[in-house]
Amino acid sequence: MPVTVDYYMTLNSPWTYLGSALLAEIARRHGATVNIKPSKFGPIFEQSGGLPLPKRSPQRRAYRMMDLKRWREVRDIPLTLEPKYFPCDDSAAARLIIAAKLQGKDAHKLSIELGRALWEREETLADPAAVSQAAERAGLDAAQLRASGPSDSELDALHEQFTREALTAGVFGAPSFVLPSGEIFWGQDRLELLERALRA
């Protein structure tokens, strides 16, 4: 029976972007379904004891930068370490991912291209043109998705719902992958362990 992996993510996380394409490959290899759930990690940090990047100690910020360089090489992804528009307002992009998901489109592929806009192309997700171009690269029409989908308020409500679901599942960081058993794999560096679990 095919396994569904709940994928709690945010576009403002470089770790989400570093692992997004590999997650898609792993899911294809094992016939798994990725149930993407864009979430707001500010509230998740507040309730789980995490700190936003500016409030972390200098040691932790320095290690994060070093680790991003390592994983950029391991994943062979030309990620920009300090993009011009990070962090940016990703609400319109999150709405589009949710709209694509509701319409049965490849919302995961869309999220990869939106991540590429921020982390490789140094575009802001607050720019409708950048969001539309990312959708086009994913083979989707952003205007059509929004025209035939729910309203902003309905999509925002689902964004909040996914955030609550993440907290209920025990998620505390992005990206997180949750199996039907409730087992959580936090971080793109746990994807190989996720694949091991899917194989088993």
N, C-alpha and C. Protein backbone atom coordinates (compact mmCIF):
# COMPACT_ATOMS: atom_id res chain seq x y z
N MET A 1 0.84 -1.20 0.00
CA MET A 1 0.00 0.00 0.00
C MET A 1 0.88 1.26 0.00
N PRO A 2 0.60 2.21 -0.91
CA PRO A 2 1.44 3.42 -0.98
C PRO A 2 1.42 4.20 0.33
N VAL A 3 2.56 4.74 0.68
CA VAL A 3 2.71 5.52 1.92
C VAL A 3 2.58 7.00 1.59
N THR A 4 1.89 7.74 2.46
CA THR A 4 1.81 9.19 2.33
C THR A 4 2.73 9.83 3.36
N VAL A 5 3.59 10.71 2.88
CA VAL A 5 4.51 11.45 3.75
C VAL A 5 3.98 12.87 3.90
N ASP A 6 3.63 13.26 5.12
CA ASP A 6 3.24 14.65 5.37
C ASP A 6 4.50 15.51 5.41
N TYR A 7 4.52 16.52 4.57
CA TYR A 7 5.71 17.35 4.36
C TYR A 7 5.43 18.76 4.86
N TYR A 8 5.94 19.07 6.05
CA TYR A 8 5.77 20.39 6.65
C TYR A 8 6.98 21.24 6.28
N MET A 9 6.71 22.35 5.60
CA MET A 9 7.82 23.13 5.04
C MET A 9 7.51 24.62 5.04
N THR A 10 8.54 25.40 4.81
CA THR A 10 8.40 26.82 4.57
C THR A 10 9.42 27.22 3.51
N LEU A 11 9.02 28.08 2.61
CA LEU A 11 9.91 28.51 1.54
C LEU A 11 11.06 29.35 2.06
N ASN A 12 10.92 29.95 3.24
CA ASN A 12 11.98 30.78 3.81
C ASN A 12 13.08 29.97 4.47
N SER A 13 13.04 28.66 4.35
CA SER A 13 14.08 27.80 4.91
C SER A 13 15.01 27.29 3.81
N PRO A 14 16.32 27.57 3.91
CA PRO A 14 17.24 27.02 2.92
C PRO A 14 17.31 25.50 3.00
N TRP A 15 17.06 24.97 4.19
CA TRP A 15 17.11 23.52 4.38
C TRP A 15 15.95 22.86 3.65
N THR A 16 14.79 23.52 3.65
CA THR A 16 13.66 23.02 2.87
C THR A 16 14.06 22.93 1.41
N TYR A 17 14.66 24.00 0.90
CA TYR A 17 15.01 24.02 -0.52
C TYR A 17 16.08 22.97 -0.84
N LEU A 18 17.07 22.85 0.02
CA LEU A 18 18.15 21.88 -0.24
C LEU A 18 17.62 20.45 -0.37
N GLY A 19 16.55 20.14 0.35
CA GLY A 19 16.06 18.76 0.33
C GLY A 19 14.85 18.52 -0.55
N SER A 20 14.28 19.57 -1.11
CA SER A 20 12.99 19.42 -1.79
C SER A 20 13.05 18.53 -3.01
N ALA A 21 14.06 18.69 -3.85
CA ALA A 21 14.16 17.86 -5.06
C ALA A 21 14.46 16.41 -4.70
N LEU A 22 15.33 16.20 -3.70
CA LEU A 22 15.64 14.83 -3.29
C LEU A 22 14.42 14.15 -2.70
N LEU A 23 13.62 14.87 -1.95
CA LEU A 23 12.39 14.29 -1.42
C LEU A 23 11.50 13.79 -2.56
N ALA A 24 11.38 14.57 -3.61
CA ALA A 24 10.56 14.17 -4.76
C ALA A 24 11.12 12.89 -5.39
N GLU A 25 12.44 12.79 -5.50
CA GLU A 25 13.07 11.59 -6.08
C GLU A 25 12.81 10.37 -5.20
N ILE A 26 12.97 10.53 -3.91
CA ILE A 26 12.76 9.42 -2.98
C ILE A 26 11.31 8.95 -3.05
N ALA A 27 10.39 9.89 -3.09
CA ALA A 27 8.97 9.52 -3.18
C ALA A 27 8.70 8.74 -4.46
N ARG A 28 9.28 9.17 -5.57
CA ARG A 28 9.08 8.46 -6.84
C ARG A 28 9.64 7.04 -6.76
N ARG A 29 10.83 6.93 -6.18
CA ARG A 29 11.48 5.61 -6.11
C ARG A 29 10.65 4.61 -5.32
N HIS A 30 9.93 5.08 -4.32
CA HIS A 30 9.22 4.17 -3.42
C HIS A 30 7.70 4.24 -3.57
N GLY A 31 7.24 4.94 -4.60
CA GLY A 31 5.80 5.02 -4.83
C GLY A 31 5.05 5.72 -3.71
N ALA A 32 5.74 6.62 -3.02
CA ALA A 32 5.12 7.34 -1.91
C ALA A 32 4.46 8.62 -2.41
N THR A 33 3.47 9.08 -1.68
CA THR A 33 2.80 10.35 -1.98
C THR A 33 3.29 11.41 -1.01
N VAL A 34 3.66 12.57 -1.54
CA VAL A 34 4.08 13.69 -0.70
C VAL A 34 2.88 14.60 -0.48
N ASN A 35 2.47 14.74 0.76
CA ASN A 35 1.35 15.60 1.13
C ASN A 35 1.92 16.90 1.68
N ILE A 36 2.12 17.86 0.78
CA ILE A 36 2.80 19.10 1.16
C ILE A 36 1.90 19.97 2.01
N LYS A 37 2.46 20.50 3.10
CA LYS A 37 1.68 21.32 4.03
C LYS A 37 2.50 22.55 4.44
N PRO A 38 2.45 23.61 3.62
CA PRO A 38 3.15 24.83 4.01
C PRO A 38 2.69 25.28 5.40
N SER A 39 3.66 25.62 6.24
CA SER A 39 3.34 25.96 7.63
C SER A 39 4.09 27.21 8.05
N LYS A 40 3.59 27.85 9.12
CA LYS A 40 4.23 29.05 9.64
C LYS A 40 5.11 28.66 10.82
N PHE A 41 6.40 28.81 10.65
CA PHE A 41 7.31 28.30 11.67
C PHE A 41 7.60 29.31 12.78
N GLY A 42 7.16 30.57 12.61
CA GLY A 42 7.26 31.50 13.74
C GLY A 42 6.45 30.99 14.92
N PRO A 43 5.15 30.72 14.74
CA PRO A 43 4.36 30.16 15.83
C PRO A 43 4.85 28.80 16.31
N ILE A 44 5.38 28.00 15.37
CA ILE A 44 5.89 26.68 15.77
C ILE A 44 7.10 26.84 16.67
N PHE A 45 8.01 27.77 16.33
CA PHE A 45 9.17 28.02 17.19
C PHE A 45 8.71 28.50 18.57
N GLU A 46 7.74 29.40 18.59
CA GLU A 46 7.28 29.95 19.86
C GLU A 46 6.78 28.85 20.79
N GLN A 47 6.10 27.86 20.24
CA GLN A 47 5.51 26.82 21.07
C GLN A 47 6.45 25.64 21.32
N SER A 48 7.53 25.54 20.54
CA SER A 48 8.41 24.37 20.68
C SER A 48 9.80 24.73 21.22
N GLY A 49 10.01 26.02 21.51
CA GLY A 49 11.29 26.41 22.10
C GLY A 49 12.36 26.79 21.09
N GLY A 50 12.00 26.88 19.82
CA GLY A 50 12.97 27.28 18.81
C GLY A 50 13.16 28.79 18.77
N LEU A 51 14.24 29.22 18.13
CA LEU A 51 14.52 30.65 18.01
C LEU A 51 14.63 31.03 16.55
N PRO A 52 14.05 32.16 16.14
CA PRO A 52 14.29 32.65 14.79
C PRO A 52 15.76 33.00 14.62
N LEU A 53 16.22 32.98 13.39
CA LEU A 53 17.66 33.16 13.11
C LEU A 53 18.28 34.38 13.78
N PRO A 54 17.66 35.57 13.73
CA PRO A 54 18.31 36.74 14.34
C PRO A 54 18.52 36.63 15.85
N LYS A 55 17.76 35.77 16.50
CA LYS A 55 17.87 35.64 17.96
C LYS A 55 18.81 34.51 18.39
N ARG A 56 19.38 33.80 17.43
CA ARG A 56 20.30 32.71 17.78
C ARG A 56 21.68 33.26 18.12
N SER A 57 22.43 32.49 18.86
CA SER A 57 23.76 32.93 19.28
C SER A 57 24.69 33.04 18.06
N PRO A 58 25.73 33.86 18.17
CA PRO A 58 26.69 33.97 17.06
C PRO A 58 27.30 32.61 16.68
N GLN A 59 27.52 31.75 17.69
CA GLN A 59 28.09 30.44 17.39
C GLN A 59 27.15 29.61 16.52
N ARG A 60 25.87 29.64 16.85
CA ARG A 60 24.89 28.87 16.07
C ARG A 60 24.73 29.44 14.66
N ARG A 61 24.76 30.77 14.54
CA ARG A 61 24.63 31.37 13.21
C ARG A 61 25.85 31.05 12.35
N ALA A 62 27.03 31.05 12.96
CA ALA A 62 28.24 30.72 12.21
C ALA A 62 28.23 29.26 11.77
N TYR A 63 27.77 28.38 12.66
CA TYR A 63 27.73 26.96 12.30
C TYR A 63 26.71 26.72 11.20
N ARG A 64 25.58 27.40 11.28
CA ARG A 64 24.55 27.28 10.22
C ARG A 64 25.15 27.61 8.87
N MET A 65 25.92 28.70 8.79
CA MET A 65 26.51 29.11 7.52
C MET A 65 27.50 28.06 7.02
N MET A 66 28.32 27.53 7.91
CA MET A 66 29.28 26.51 7.53
C MET A 66 28.57 25.25 7.03
N ASP A 67 27.49 24.88 7.71
CA ASP A 67 26.77 23.67 7.34
C ASP A 67 26.02 23.86 6.01
N LEU A 68 25.52 25.06 5.76
CA LEU A 68 24.89 25.33 4.47
C LEU A 68 25.89 25.15 3.33
N LYS A 69 27.11 25.61 3.55
CA LYS A 69 28.15 25.43 2.52
C LYS A 69 28.41 23.96 2.28
N ARG A 70 28.50 23.17 3.34
CA ARG A 70 28.74 21.73 3.20
C ARG A 70 27.62 21.06 2.41
N TRP A 71 26.38 21.32 2.83
CA TRP A 71 25.25 20.63 2.20
C TRP A 71 24.99 21.14 0.79
N ARG A 72 25.34 22.38 0.53
CA ARG A 72 25.23 22.89 -0.84
C ARG A 72 26.11 22.07 -1.78
N GLU A 73 27.29 21.71 -1.29
CA GLU A 73 28.19 20.88 -2.11
C GLU A 73 27.69 19.44 -2.19
N VAL A 74 27.23 18.89 -1.06
CA VAL A 74 26.77 17.51 -1.05
C VAL A 74 25.57 17.33 -1.98
N ARG A 75 24.62 18.26 -1.91
CA ARG A 75 23.41 18.16 -2.74
C ARG A 75 23.63 18.70 -4.15
N ASP A 76 24.77 19.36 -4.37
CA ASP A 76 25.11 19.92 -5.68
C ASP A 76 24.02 20.89 -6.16
N ILE A 77 23.69 21.82 -5.27
CA ILE A 77 22.67 22.83 -5.56
C ILE A 77 23.32 24.21 -5.38
N PRO A 78 23.22 25.09 -6.38
CA PRO A 78 23.87 26.41 -6.29
C PRO A 78 23.11 27.39 -5.41
N LEU A 79 22.93 27.01 -4.16
CA LEU A 79 22.18 27.83 -3.22
C LEU A 79 22.97 29.08 -2.83
N THR A 80 22.31 30.23 -2.83
CA THR A 80 22.91 31.48 -2.38
C THR A 80 22.81 31.53 -0.86
N LEU A 81 23.94 31.68 -0.20
CA LEU A 81 23.96 31.59 1.26
C LEU A 81 23.20 32.72 1.93
N GLU A 82 23.33 33.93 1.40
CA GLU A 82 22.64 35.08 1.97
C GLU A 82 21.91 35.83 0.86
N PRO A 83 20.78 35.29 0.40
CA PRO A 83 20.07 35.92 -0.70
C PRO A 83 19.55 37.31 -0.34
N LYS A 84 19.44 38.13 -1.35
CA LYS A 84 19.08 39.53 -1.17
C LYS A 84 17.75 39.72 -0.45
N TYR A 85 16.80 38.81 -0.68
CA TYR A 85 15.45 39.01 -0.15
C TYR A 85 15.07 38.00 0.93
N PHE A 86 16.05 37.57 1.71
CA PHE A 86 15.76 36.64 2.80
C PHE A 86 15.85 37.37 4.13
N PRO A 87 14.86 37.18 5.01
CA PRO A 87 13.60 36.49 4.75
C PRO A 87 12.65 37.40 3.98
N CYS A 88 11.70 36.79 3.27
CA CYS A 88 10.75 37.59 2.52
C CYS A 88 9.33 37.13 2.84
N ASP A 89 8.39 37.97 2.46
CA ASP A 89 6.98 37.63 2.66
C ASP A 89 6.62 36.55 1.64
N ASP A 90 6.40 35.33 2.13
CA ASP A 90 6.11 34.22 1.22
C ASP A 90 4.63 33.84 1.23
N SER A 91 3.78 34.73 1.75
CA SER A 91 2.37 34.37 1.90
C SER A 91 1.69 34.10 0.56
N ALA A 92 1.97 34.93 -0.46
CA ALA A 92 1.35 34.71 -1.78
C ALA A 92 1.83 33.39 -2.38
N ALA A 93 3.11 33.09 -2.19
CA ALA A 93 3.67 31.84 -2.72
C ALA A 93 3.08 30.63 -1.99
N ALA A 94 2.91 30.75 -0.68
CA ALA A 94 2.31 29.65 0.09
C ALA A 94 0.87 29.43 -0.34
N ARG A 95 0.15 30.53 -0.59
CA ARG A 95 -1.23 30.40 -1.07
C ARG A 95 -1.27 29.64 -2.39
N LEU A 96 -0.32 29.94 -3.27
CA LEU A 96 -0.31 29.30 -4.58
C LEU A 96 -0.02 27.80 -4.45
N ILE A 97 0.90 27.43 -3.56
CA ILE A 97 1.18 26.02 -3.33
C ILE A 97 -0.07 25.30 -2.84
N ILE A 98 -0.76 25.92 -1.90
CA ILE A 98 -1.98 25.29 -1.35
C ILE A 98 -3.06 25.20 -2.42
N ALA A 99 -3.19 26.25 -3.24
CA ALA A 99 -4.18 26.22 -4.32
C ALA A 99 -3.87 25.10 -5.30
N ALA A 100 -2.59 24.95 -5.65
CA ALA A 100 -2.19 23.87 -6.57
C ALA A 100 -2.49 22.51 -5.96
N LYS A 101 -2.20 22.36 -4.69
CA LYS A 101 -2.47 21.10 -3.98
C LYS A 101 -3.96 20.76 -4.03
N LEU A 102 -4.81 21.75 -3.76
CA LEU A 102 -6.25 21.52 -3.74
C LEU A 102 -6.79 21.14 -5.11
N GLN A 103 -6.10 21.60 -6.16
CA GLN A 103 -6.55 21.33 -7.52
C GLN A 103 -5.88 20.11 -8.14
N GLY A 104 -5.15 19.37 -7.32
CA GLY A 104 -4.54 18.13 -7.80
C GLY A 104 -3.33 18.33 -8.69
N LYS A 105 -2.74 19.52 -8.65
CA LYS A 105 -1.54 19.80 -9.44
C LYS A 105 -0.31 19.38 -8.65
N ASP A 106 0.85 19.44 -9.30
CA ASP A 106 2.10 19.06 -8.64
C ASP A 106 2.59 20.21 -7.76
N ALA A 107 2.00 20.33 -6.59
CA ALA A 107 2.34 21.42 -5.68
C ALA A 107 3.77 21.30 -5.17
N HIS A 108 4.27 20.08 -5.07
CA HIS A 108 5.65 19.89 -4.62
C HIS A 108 6.63 20.46 -5.64
N LYS A 109 6.40 20.16 -6.92
CA LYS A 109 7.26 20.72 -7.97
C LYS A 109 7.19 22.24 -7.97
N LEU A 110 6.00 22.78 -7.76
CA LEU A 110 5.84 24.23 -7.67
C LEU A 110 6.67 24.78 -6.53
N SER A 111 6.65 24.10 -5.38
CA SER A 111 7.42 24.58 -4.22
C SER A 111 8.91 24.59 -4.51
N ILE A 112 9.37 23.62 -5.29
CA ILE A 112 10.79 23.58 -5.65
C ILE A 112 11.16 24.81 -6.47
N GLU A 113 10.31 25.15 -7.44
CA GLU A 113 10.61 26.31 -8.28
C GLU A 113 10.48 27.63 -7.52
N LEU A 114 9.55 27.70 -6.59
CA LEU A 114 9.45 28.89 -5.75
C LEU A 114 10.68 29.01 -4.85
N GLY A 115 11.14 27.88 -4.34
CA GLY A 115 12.38 27.88 -3.56
C GLY A 115 13.56 28.32 -4.40
N ARG A 116 13.60 27.86 -5.63
CA ARG A 116 14.69 28.26 -6.54
C ARG A 116 14.68 29.77 -6.76
N ALA A 117 13.48 30.35 -6.87
CA ALA A 117 13.39 31.80 -7.05
C ALA A 117 14.09 32.54 -5.92
N LEU A 118 13.85 32.10 -4.69
CA LEU A 118 14.44 32.76 -3.53
C LEU A 118 15.89 32.41 -3.33
N TRP A 119 16.23 31.12 -3.40
CA TRP A 119 17.53 30.65 -2.95
C TRP A 119 18.58 30.52 -4.05
N GLU A 120 18.18 30.53 -5.31
CA GLU A 120 19.16 30.51 -6.39
C GLU A 120 19.12 31.79 -7.21
N ARG A 121 17.91 32.24 -7.55
CA ARG A 121 17.76 33.38 -8.45
C ARG A 121 17.74 34.71 -7.72
N GLU A 122 17.70 34.68 -6.39
CA GLU A 122 17.66 35.88 -5.55
C GLU A 122 16.51 36.80 -5.93
N GLU A 123 15.32 36.21 -6.05
CA GLU A 123 14.11 36.97 -6.31
C GLU A 123 13.27 36.97 -5.04
N THR A 124 12.42 37.96 -4.90
CA THR A 124 11.55 38.00 -3.74
C THR A 124 10.21 37.35 -4.06
N LEU A 125 9.74 36.54 -3.16
CA LEU A 125 8.45 35.88 -3.34
C LEU A 125 7.29 36.84 -3.09
N ALA A 126 7.61 38.07 -2.72
CA ALA A 126 6.58 39.10 -2.61
C ALA A 126 6.29 39.73 -3.97
N ASP A 127 7.08 39.38 -4.98
CA ASP A 127 6.91 39.91 -6.33
C ASP A 127 6.02 38.96 -7.14
N PRO A 128 4.82 39.40 -7.53
CA PRO A 128 3.93 38.52 -8.29
C PRO A 128 4.56 37.98 -9.57
N ALA A 129 5.42 38.77 -10.20
CA ALA A 129 6.07 38.32 -11.44
C ALA A 129 7.00 37.15 -11.16
N ALA A 130 7.76 37.22 -10.07
CA ALA A 130 8.68 36.13 -9.72
C ALA A 130 7.90 34.86 -9.40
N VAL A 131 6.78 35.01 -8.70
CA VAL A 131 5.94 33.86 -8.35
C VAL A 131 5.34 33.25 -9.62
N SER A 132 4.86 34.09 -10.53
CA SER A 132 4.28 33.60 -11.78
C SER A 132 5.31 32.87 -12.63
N GLN A 133 6.52 33.41 -12.68
CA GLN A 133 7.59 32.77 -13.47
C GLN A 133 7.98 31.42 -12.87
N ALA A 134 8.00 31.35 -11.54
CA ALA A 134 8.31 30.08 -10.88
C ALA A 134 7.24 29.04 -11.22
N ALA A 135 5.98 29.47 -11.19
CA ALA A 135 4.89 28.56 -11.55
C ALA A 135 5.03 28.09 -13.00
N GLU A 136 5.40 29.00 -13.87
CA GLU A 136 5.58 28.65 -15.29
C GLU A 136 6.68 27.61 -15.44
N ARG A 137 7.77 27.75 -14.68
CA ARG A 137 8.85 26.75 -14.75
C ARG A 137 8.38 25.39 -14.27
N ALA A 138 7.37 25.40 -13.38
CA ALA A 138 6.80 24.14 -12.88
C ALA A 138 5.68 23.62 -13.77
N GLY A 139 5.45 24.32 -14.89
CA GLY A 139 4.41 23.88 -15.82
C GLY A 139 3.01 24.28 -15.41
N LEU A 140 2.90 25.33 -14.60
CA LEU A 140 1.60 25.77 -14.09
C LEU A 140 1.37 27.24 -14.42
N ASP A 141 0.11 27.62 -14.42
CA ASP A 141 -0.28 29.01 -14.66
C ASP A 141 -0.79 29.58 -13.35
N ALA A 142 -0.03 30.50 -12.77
CA ALA A 142 -0.38 31.04 -11.45
C ALA A 142 -1.73 31.74 -11.47
N ALA A 143 -1.97 32.53 -12.50
CA ALA A 143 -3.23 33.27 -12.57
C ALA A 143 -4.42 32.32 -12.66
N GLN A 144 -4.27 31.28 -13.43
CA GLN A 144 -5.35 30.30 -13.58
C GLN A 144 -5.59 29.55 -12.28
N LEU A 145 -4.51 29.18 -11.61
CA LEU A 145 -4.64 28.49 -10.32
C LEU A 145 -5.42 29.33 -9.33
N ARG A 146 -5.11 30.61 -9.27
CA ARG A 146 -5.78 31.48 -8.31
C ARG A 146 -7.21 31.79 -8.73
N ALA A 147 -7.42 31.92 -10.05
CA ALA A 147 -8.77 32.26 -10.53
C ALA A 147 -9.76 31.13 -10.26
N SER A 148 -9.26 29.90 -10.33
CA SER A 148 -10.17 28.75 -10.15
C SER A 148 -10.08 28.14 -8.76
N GLY A 149 -9.35 28.80 -7.88
CA GLY A 149 -9.17 28.25 -6.53
C GLY A 149 -9.86 29.07 -5.47
N PRO A 150 -9.66 28.72 -4.21
CA PRO A 150 -10.29 29.43 -3.08
C PRO A 150 -9.76 30.86 -2.94
N SER A 151 -10.41 31.62 -2.11
CA SER A 151 -10.01 33.00 -1.83
C SER A 151 -8.75 33.04 -0.97
N ASP A 152 -8.17 34.24 -0.88
CA ASP A 152 -7.00 34.43 -0.02
C ASP A 152 -7.31 34.00 1.41
N SER A 153 -8.45 34.40 1.91
CA SER A 153 -8.78 34.11 3.31
C SER A 153 -8.94 32.61 3.54
N GLU A 154 -9.49 31.91 2.57
CA GLU A 154 -9.63 30.45 2.70
C GLU A 154 -8.27 29.77 2.66
N LEU A 155 -7.41 30.25 1.77
CA LEU A 155 -6.06 29.67 1.68
C LEU A 155 -5.25 29.99 2.93
N ASP A 156 -5.40 31.20 3.45
CA ASP A 156 -4.70 31.57 4.69
C ASP A 156 -5.18 30.71 5.85
N ALA A 157 -6.46 30.39 5.86
CA ALA A 157 -7.01 29.53 6.93
C ALA A 157 -6.39 28.14 6.85
N LEU A 158 -6.17 27.63 5.64
CA LEU A 158 -5.53 26.33 5.49
C LEU A 158 -4.06 26.40 5.91
N HIS A 159 -3.40 27.52 5.61
CA HIS A 159 -2.01 27.72 6.06
C HIS A 159 -1.94 27.62 7.58
N GLU A 160 -2.88 28.26 8.25
CA GLU A 160 -2.94 28.21 9.72
C GLU A 160 -3.27 26.79 10.19
N GLN A 161 -4.17 26.12 9.47
CA GLN A 161 -4.55 24.75 9.84
C GLN A 161 -3.34 23.82 9.74
N PHE A 162 -2.56 23.95 8.67
CA PHE A 162 -1.37 23.10 8.52
C PHE A 162 -0.37 23.37 9.65
N THR A 163 -0.29 24.63 10.07
CA THR A 163 0.60 24.98 11.19
C THR A 163 0.14 24.28 12.47
N ARG A 164 -1.16 24.28 12.71
CA ARG A 164 -1.69 23.58 13.89
C ARG A 164 -1.44 22.08 13.79
N GLU A 165 -1.62 21.54 12.59
CA GLU A 165 -1.38 20.11 12.39
C GLU A 165 0.08 19.76 12.64
N ALA A 166 0.98 20.65 12.22
CA ALA A 166 2.41 20.42 12.46
C ALA A 166 2.68 20.33 13.96
N LEU A 167 2.11 21.26 14.71
CA LEU A 167 2.32 21.26 16.17
C LEU A 167 1.73 20.00 16.80
N THR A 168 0.57 19.60 16.35
CA THR A 168 -0.06 18.39 16.88
C THR A 168 0.78 17.16 16.58
N ALA A 169 1.43 17.16 15.41
CA ALA A 169 2.26 16.02 15.01
C ALA A 169 3.60 15.99 15.75
N GLY A 170 3.94 17.10 16.44
CA GLY A 170 5.22 17.16 17.15
C GLY A 170 6.32 17.81 16.35
N VAL A 171 5.98 18.46 15.26
CA VAL A 171 6.98 19.12 14.42
C VAL A 171 7.50 20.37 15.12
N PHE A 172 8.81 20.62 14.99
CA PHE A 172 9.40 21.81 15.63
C PHE A 172 10.37 22.54 14.71
N GLY A 173 10.65 21.98 13.52
CA GLY A 173 11.56 22.64 12.60
C GLY A 173 11.26 22.26 11.17
N ALA A 174 11.82 23.03 10.24
CA ALA A 174 11.58 22.80 8.81
C ALA A 174 12.87 22.42 8.10
N PRO A 175 12.74 21.50 7.14
CA PRO A 175 11.54 20.75 6.80
C PRO A 175 11.37 19.54 7.73
N SER A 176 10.14 19.10 7.85
CA SER A 176 9.88 17.87 8.61
C SER A 176 9.00 16.95 7.78
N PHE A 177 9.29 15.66 7.87
CA PHE A 177 8.59 14.64 7.11
C PHE A 177 8.00 13.66 8.12
N VAL A 178 6.69 13.46 8.05
CA VAL A 178 6.02 12.64 9.06
C VAL A 178 5.33 11.47 8.37
N LEU A 179 5.64 10.27 8.84
CA LEU A 179 5.02 9.06 8.31
C LEU A 179 3.67 8.80 8.99
N PRO A 180 2.83 7.96 8.38
CA PRO A 180 1.53 7.66 9.00
C PRO A 180 1.65 7.11 10.42
N SER A 181 2.78 6.47 10.73
CA SER A 181 2.99 5.95 12.09
C SER A 181 3.23 7.06 13.10
N GLY A 182 3.47 8.29 12.60
CA GLY A 182 3.79 9.40 13.48
C GLY A 182 5.28 9.65 13.60
N GLU A 183 6.09 8.79 12.98
CA GLU A 183 7.55 8.98 13.05
C GLU A 183 7.94 10.22 12.27
N ILE A 184 8.73 11.10 12.93
CA ILE A 184 9.15 12.36 12.33
C ILE A 184 10.61 12.28 11.90
N PHE A 185 10.89 12.84 10.73
CA PHE A 185 12.26 13.02 10.26
C PHE A 185 12.43 14.52 10.05
N TRP A 186 13.28 15.14 10.89
CA TRP A 186 13.45 16.59 10.83
C TRP A 186 14.74 16.92 10.09
N GLY A 187 14.61 17.74 9.06
CA GLY A 187 15.78 18.24 8.36
C GLY A 187 16.08 17.49 7.08
N GLN A 188 16.59 18.23 6.09
CA GLN A 188 16.92 17.59 4.82
C GLN A 188 18.04 16.57 4.98
N ASP A 189 18.82 16.68 6.04
CA ASP A 189 19.89 15.71 6.28
C ASP A 189 19.37 14.40 6.86
N ARG A 190 18.04 14.30 7.04
CA ARG A 190 17.45 13.02 7.48
C ARG A 190 16.73 12.31 6.33
N LEU A 191 16.86 12.84 5.12
CA LEU A 191 16.16 12.24 3.99
C LEU A 191 16.62 10.81 3.70
N GLU A 192 17.90 10.55 3.88
CA GLU A 192 18.37 9.19 3.67
C GLU A 192 17.75 8.23 4.69
N LEU A 193 17.52 8.72 5.91
CA LEU A 193 16.86 7.90 6.93
C LEU A 193 15.37 7.72 6.59
N LEU A 194 14.76 8.74 6.03
CA LEU A 194 13.38 8.62 5.58
C LEU A 194 13.28 7.54 4.48
N GLU A 195 14.23 7.57 3.56
CA GLU A 195 14.20 6.58 2.48
C GLU A 195 14.40 5.17 3.05
N ARG A 196 15.25 5.05 4.04
CA ARG A 196 15.46 3.75 4.68
C ARG A 196 14.16 3.24 5.29
N ALA A 197 13.40 4.14 5.91
CA ALA A 197 12.12 3.76 6.52
C ALA A 197 11.10 3.37 5.45
N LEU A 198 11.09 4.10 4.34
CA LEU A 198 10.17 3.77 3.25
C LEU A 198 10.51 2.40 2.63
N ARG A 199 11.81 2.14 2.54
CA ARG A 199 12.27 0.86 1.98
C ARG A 199 11.85 -0.30 2.88
N ALA A 200 11.87 -0.06 4.19
CA ALA A 200 11.52 -1.11 5.15
C ALA A 200 10.02 -1.38 5.14
